[in-house]
Amino acid sequence: KFENGLMICACKVTRNISNTISWNGFYIGEVTNIPFPTNFTELYACNIDIYSTKNLWKMSGNFPSLTGTNSFYTISPEDLSGNVDFYVVAIGKWK
């Protein structure tokens, strides 16, 4: 938190994903909300990175809220399940 009201939050979350829904030649799975460590009063940006040895990407989902990422999707060329690390960085105002 900065005195001028700017805040940067970062967190790492491990989630068990399940890309089992067939969609246009790919497989998708929903990832539920990842909460921010602290709530924002105004959100400027939110980035979600995936660190995995699997062939996996993030797809858009719902817009992030002031409290977390909201749901989004992972997509892969094959049916897969397992633990994946998600890294979230959000920038906004805290006051």
N, C-alpha and C. Protein backbone atom coordinates (compact mmCIF):
# COMPACT_ATOMS: atom_id res chain seq x y z
N LYS A 1 0.84 -1.18 0.00
CA LYS A 1 0.00 0.00 0.00
C LYS A 1 0.88 1.24 0.00
N PHE A 2 0.53 2.19 -0.84
CA PHE A 2 1.24 3.44 -0.91
C PHE A 2 0.37 4.56 -0.35
N GLU A 3 1.00 5.56 0.19
CA GLU A 3 0.27 6.66 0.83
C GLU A 3 -0.69 7.37 -0.14
N ASN A 4 -0.35 7.41 -1.44
CA ASN A 4 -1.22 8.07 -2.41
C ASN A 4 -2.47 7.25 -2.77
N GLY A 5 -2.63 6.08 -2.13
CA GLY A 5 -3.81 5.26 -2.37
C GLY A 5 -3.59 4.09 -3.30
N LEU A 6 -2.45 4.04 -3.98
CA LEU A 6 -2.15 2.93 -4.88
C LEU A 6 -1.82 1.67 -4.08
N MET A 7 -2.26 0.53 -4.56
CA MET A 7 -1.95 -0.74 -3.91
C MET A 7 -1.64 -1.79 -4.97
N ILE A 8 -0.66 -2.61 -4.69
CA ILE A 8 -0.30 -3.74 -5.55
C ILE A 8 -0.39 -4.99 -4.70
N CYS A 9 -1.19 -5.95 -5.14
CA CYS A 9 -1.33 -7.23 -4.44
C CYS A 9 -0.82 -8.34 -5.34
N ALA A 10 -0.15 -9.30 -4.74
CA ALA A 10 0.32 -10.47 -5.47
C ALA A 10 0.09 -11.70 -4.61
N CYS A 11 -0.28 -12.81 -5.25
CA CYS A 11 -0.47 -14.05 -4.50
C CYS A 11 -0.24 -15.25 -5.43
N LYS A 12 0.07 -16.36 -4.81
CA LYS A 12 0.21 -17.64 -5.51
C LYS A 12 -0.81 -18.60 -4.92
N VAL A 13 -1.54 -19.28 -5.80
CA VAL A 13 -2.55 -20.24 -5.37
C VAL A 13 -2.37 -21.52 -6.18
N THR A 14 -2.39 -22.66 -5.52
CA THR A 14 -2.37 -23.95 -6.21
C THR A 14 -3.79 -24.47 -6.26
N ARG A 15 -4.26 -24.79 -7.45
CA ARG A 15 -5.62 -25.32 -7.63
C ARG A 15 -5.54 -26.62 -8.40
N ASN A 16 -6.45 -27.52 -8.09
CA ASN A 16 -6.57 -28.76 -8.84
C ASN A 16 -7.53 -28.48 -10.00
N ILE A 17 -7.02 -28.56 -11.21
CA ILE A 17 -7.86 -28.29 -12.38
C ILE A 17 -8.32 -29.60 -13.01
N SER A 18 -9.37 -29.50 -13.78
CA SER A 18 -9.91 -30.66 -14.49
C SER A 18 -10.41 -30.20 -15.85
N ASN A 19 -9.56 -30.25 -16.86
CA ASN A 19 -9.93 -29.89 -18.22
C ASN A 19 -10.53 -31.10 -18.91
N THR A 20 -11.82 -31.30 -18.71
CA THR A 20 -12.49 -32.49 -19.23
C THR A 20 -13.68 -32.17 -20.14
N ILE A 21 -14.01 -30.88 -20.28
CA ILE A 21 -15.15 -30.49 -21.11
C ILE A 21 -14.66 -30.24 -22.54
N SER A 22 -15.12 -31.03 -23.49
CA SER A 22 -14.71 -30.88 -24.88
C SER A 22 -15.32 -29.61 -25.47
N TRP A 23 -14.47 -28.81 -26.15
CA TRP A 23 -14.92 -27.55 -26.72
C TRP A 23 -14.07 -27.21 -27.94
N ASN A 24 -14.65 -27.29 -29.14
CA ASN A 24 -13.98 -26.91 -30.40
C ASN A 24 -12.60 -27.54 -30.59
N GLY A 25 -12.48 -28.80 -30.28
CA GLY A 25 -11.21 -29.50 -30.44
C GLY A 25 -10.25 -29.36 -29.28
N PHE A 26 -10.65 -28.63 -28.25
CA PHE A 26 -9.84 -28.47 -27.03
C PHE A 26 -10.62 -28.98 -25.83
N TYR A 27 -9.99 -28.91 -24.68
CA TYR A 27 -10.65 -29.27 -23.42
C TYR A 27 -10.53 -28.09 -22.47
N ILE A 28 -11.63 -27.76 -21.81
CA ILE A 28 -11.63 -26.64 -20.88
C ILE A 28 -12.08 -27.09 -19.50
N GLY A 29 -11.71 -26.27 -18.52
CA GLY A 29 -12.13 -26.49 -17.14
C GLY A 29 -12.23 -25.15 -16.44
N GLU A 30 -13.17 -25.03 -15.52
CA GLU A 30 -13.38 -23.77 -14.81
C GLU A 30 -12.49 -23.70 -13.57
N VAL A 31 -11.93 -22.53 -13.34
CA VAL A 31 -11.15 -22.25 -12.13
C VAL A 31 -11.95 -21.23 -11.34
N THR A 32 -12.25 -21.56 -10.09
CA THR A 32 -13.05 -20.65 -9.28
C THR A 32 -12.24 -19.46 -8.79
N ASN A 33 -12.94 -18.48 -8.30
CA ASN A 33 -12.37 -17.21 -7.83
C ASN A 33 -11.10 -17.40 -7.01
N ILE A 34 -10.09 -16.60 -7.34
CA ILE A 34 -8.88 -16.50 -6.51
C ILE A 34 -8.99 -15.16 -5.78
N PRO A 35 -9.18 -15.17 -4.46
CA PRO A 35 -9.33 -13.91 -3.74
C PRO A 35 -8.02 -13.13 -3.66
N PHE A 36 -8.12 -11.81 -3.73
CA PHE A 36 -6.96 -10.95 -3.50
C PHE A 36 -6.63 -10.97 -2.02
N PRO A 37 -5.36 -10.76 -1.65
CA PRO A 37 -5.00 -10.71 -0.23
C PRO A 37 -5.72 -9.60 0.53
N THR A 38 -6.04 -8.50 -0.16
CA THR A 38 -6.76 -7.36 0.42
C THR A 38 -7.71 -6.82 -0.64
N ASN A 39 -8.88 -6.34 -0.22
CA ASN A 39 -9.85 -5.80 -1.17
C ASN A 39 -9.42 -4.42 -1.68
N PHE A 40 -9.82 -4.12 -2.90
CA PHE A 40 -9.58 -2.83 -3.52
C PHE A 40 -10.84 -1.97 -3.44
N THR A 41 -10.67 -0.65 -3.57
CA THR A 41 -11.82 0.24 -3.75
C THR A 41 -12.01 0.55 -5.23
N GLU A 42 -10.92 0.41 -6.01
CA GLU A 42 -10.96 0.58 -7.46
C GLU A 42 -9.86 -0.30 -8.04
N LEU A 43 -10.18 -1.05 -9.09
CA LEU A 43 -9.21 -1.97 -9.69
C LEU A 43 -8.78 -1.46 -11.06
N TYR A 44 -7.44 -1.36 -11.28
CA TYR A 44 -6.91 -0.90 -12.56
C TYR A 44 -6.50 -2.06 -13.46
N ALA A 45 -5.90 -3.09 -12.88
CA ALA A 45 -5.39 -4.20 -13.69
C ALA A 45 -5.32 -5.47 -12.85
N CYS A 46 -5.49 -6.59 -13.53
CA CYS A 46 -5.37 -7.89 -12.88
C CYS A 46 -4.77 -8.86 -13.90
N ASN A 47 -3.66 -9.50 -13.53
CA ASN A 47 -3.00 -10.45 -14.41
C ASN A 47 -2.90 -11.80 -13.72
N ILE A 48 -3.18 -12.85 -14.47
CA ILE A 48 -3.10 -14.21 -13.95
C ILE A 48 -2.12 -14.98 -14.83
N ASP A 49 -1.08 -15.53 -14.23
CA ASP A 49 -0.11 -16.37 -14.94
C ASP A 49 -0.23 -17.80 -14.45
N ILE A 50 0.04 -18.74 -15.35
CA ILE A 50 0.03 -20.16 -15.02
C ILE A 50 1.45 -20.69 -15.13
N TYR A 51 1.89 -21.37 -14.10
CA TYR A 51 3.19 -22.04 -14.13
C TYR A 51 2.92 -23.53 -14.04
N SER A 52 3.18 -24.25 -15.13
CA SER A 52 2.85 -25.66 -15.20
C SER A 52 3.72 -26.34 -16.25
N THR A 53 4.00 -27.61 -16.06
CA THR A 53 4.70 -28.40 -17.07
C THR A 53 3.71 -28.98 -18.07
N LYS A 54 2.42 -28.75 -17.83
CA LYS A 54 1.37 -29.23 -18.74
C LYS A 54 1.18 -28.24 -19.89
N ASN A 55 0.66 -28.71 -21.01
CA ASN A 55 0.33 -27.88 -22.16
C ASN A 55 -1.00 -27.20 -21.86
N LEU A 56 -0.96 -25.98 -21.30
CA LEU A 56 -2.13 -25.38 -20.69
C LEU A 56 -2.10 -23.86 -20.84
N TRP A 57 -3.26 -23.26 -21.12
CA TRP A 57 -3.38 -21.81 -21.22
C TRP A 57 -4.57 -21.33 -20.40
N LYS A 58 -4.59 -20.02 -20.14
CA LYS A 58 -5.72 -19.41 -19.45
C LYS A 58 -6.62 -18.74 -20.48
N MET A 59 -7.92 -18.93 -20.32
CA MET A 59 -8.92 -18.25 -21.16
C MET A 59 -9.66 -17.23 -20.32
N SER A 60 -10.17 -16.22 -20.97
CA SER A 60 -10.98 -15.23 -20.26
C SER A 60 -12.18 -15.89 -19.60
N GLY A 61 -12.62 -15.26 -18.58
CA GLY A 61 -13.84 -15.67 -17.88
C GLY A 61 -14.60 -14.43 -17.51
N ASN A 62 -15.04 -14.38 -16.29
CA ASN A 62 -15.73 -13.19 -15.79
C ASN A 62 -14.71 -12.11 -15.47
N PHE A 63 -15.15 -10.86 -15.50
CA PHE A 63 -14.28 -9.75 -15.14
C PHE A 63 -13.91 -9.86 -13.67
N PRO A 64 -12.69 -9.46 -13.30
CA PRO A 64 -12.33 -9.49 -11.89
C PRO A 64 -13.17 -8.48 -11.10
N SER A 65 -13.31 -8.76 -9.81
CA SER A 65 -14.05 -7.86 -8.93
C SER A 65 -13.06 -7.12 -8.03
N LEU A 66 -13.56 -6.39 -7.08
CA LEU A 66 -12.70 -5.69 -6.13
C LEU A 66 -12.12 -6.64 -5.09
N THR A 67 -12.63 -7.87 -5.04
CA THR A 67 -12.19 -8.83 -4.01
C THR A 67 -11.42 -10.02 -4.57
N GLY A 68 -11.46 -10.23 -5.89
CA GLY A 68 -10.76 -11.38 -6.45
C GLY A 68 -10.93 -11.49 -7.95
N THR A 69 -10.37 -12.56 -8.51
CA THR A 69 -10.34 -12.74 -9.96
C THR A 69 -11.69 -13.10 -10.57
N ASN A 70 -12.60 -13.64 -9.80
CA ASN A 70 -13.82 -14.29 -10.28
C ASN A 70 -13.41 -15.53 -11.08
N SER A 71 -14.36 -16.27 -11.58
CA SER A 71 -14.06 -17.51 -12.29
C SER A 71 -13.45 -17.24 -13.66
N PHE A 72 -12.58 -18.16 -14.09
CA PHE A 72 -12.02 -18.10 -15.44
C PHE A 72 -11.79 -19.54 -15.87
N TYR A 73 -11.24 -19.74 -17.06
CA TYR A 73 -11.11 -21.09 -17.61
C TYR A 73 -9.68 -21.40 -18.00
N THR A 74 -9.33 -22.66 -17.93
CA THR A 74 -8.08 -23.15 -18.51
C THR A 74 -8.44 -23.96 -19.74
N ILE A 75 -7.55 -23.98 -20.71
CA ILE A 75 -7.78 -24.69 -21.97
C ILE A 75 -6.53 -25.49 -22.31
N SER A 76 -6.74 -26.68 -22.86
CA SER A 76 -5.62 -27.55 -23.23
C SER A 76 -6.01 -28.39 -24.44
N PRO A 77 -5.02 -28.88 -25.20
CA PRO A 77 -5.32 -29.70 -26.37
C PRO A 77 -5.70 -31.13 -26.00
N GLU A 78 -5.54 -31.48 -24.73
CA GLU A 78 -5.88 -32.85 -24.30
C GLU A 78 -6.63 -32.80 -22.98
N ASP A 79 -7.35 -33.85 -22.70
CA ASP A 79 -8.06 -34.02 -21.43
C ASP A 79 -6.99 -34.18 -20.35
N LEU A 80 -6.99 -33.29 -19.34
CA LEU A 80 -5.99 -33.41 -18.28
C LEU A 80 -6.54 -32.89 -16.95
N SER A 81 -5.94 -33.37 -15.88
CA SER A 81 -6.29 -32.95 -14.52
C SER A 81 -5.01 -32.90 -13.70
N GLY A 82 -5.04 -32.12 -12.62
CA GLY A 82 -3.90 -32.06 -11.72
C GLY A 82 -3.73 -30.70 -11.10
N ASN A 83 -2.75 -30.58 -10.21
CA ASN A 83 -2.47 -29.32 -9.54
C ASN A 83 -1.69 -28.37 -10.45
N VAL A 84 -2.09 -27.11 -10.41
CA VAL A 84 -1.46 -26.06 -11.21
C VAL A 84 -1.28 -24.84 -10.31
N ASP A 85 -0.14 -24.15 -10.45
CA ASP A 85 0.11 -22.92 -9.71
C ASP A 85 -0.34 -21.72 -10.52
N PHE A 86 -1.14 -20.87 -9.90
CA PHE A 86 -1.61 -19.62 -10.50
C PHE A 86 -1.00 -18.46 -9.73
N TYR A 87 -0.43 -17.51 -10.45
CA TYR A 87 0.15 -16.32 -9.84
C TYR A 87 -0.69 -15.12 -10.27
N VAL A 88 -1.15 -14.35 -9.30
CA VAL A 88 -2.03 -13.21 -9.57
C VAL A 88 -1.35 -11.93 -9.11
N VAL A 89 -1.38 -10.91 -9.98
CA VAL A 89 -0.93 -9.57 -9.62
C VAL A 89 -2.07 -8.62 -9.95
N ALA A 90 -2.47 -7.82 -8.96
CA ALA A 90 -3.54 -6.85 -9.16
C ALA A 90 -3.07 -5.48 -8.71
N ILE A 91 -3.48 -4.44 -9.44
CA ILE A 91 -3.10 -3.07 -9.12
C ILE A 91 -4.38 -2.22 -9.07
N GLY A 92 -4.47 -1.40 -8.03
CA GLY A 92 -5.63 -0.54 -7.90
C GLY A 92 -5.48 0.42 -6.74
N LYS A 93 -6.62 0.90 -6.26
CA LYS A 93 -6.66 1.84 -5.14
C LYS A 93 -7.16 1.14 -3.88
N TRP A 94 -6.60 1.53 -2.76
CA TRP A 94 -7.09 1.00 -1.48
C TRP A 94 -7.84 2.06 -0.69
N LYS A 95 -7.74 3.32 -1.11
CA LYS A 95 -8.50 4.39 -0.45
C LYS A 95 -8.97 5.41 -1.45
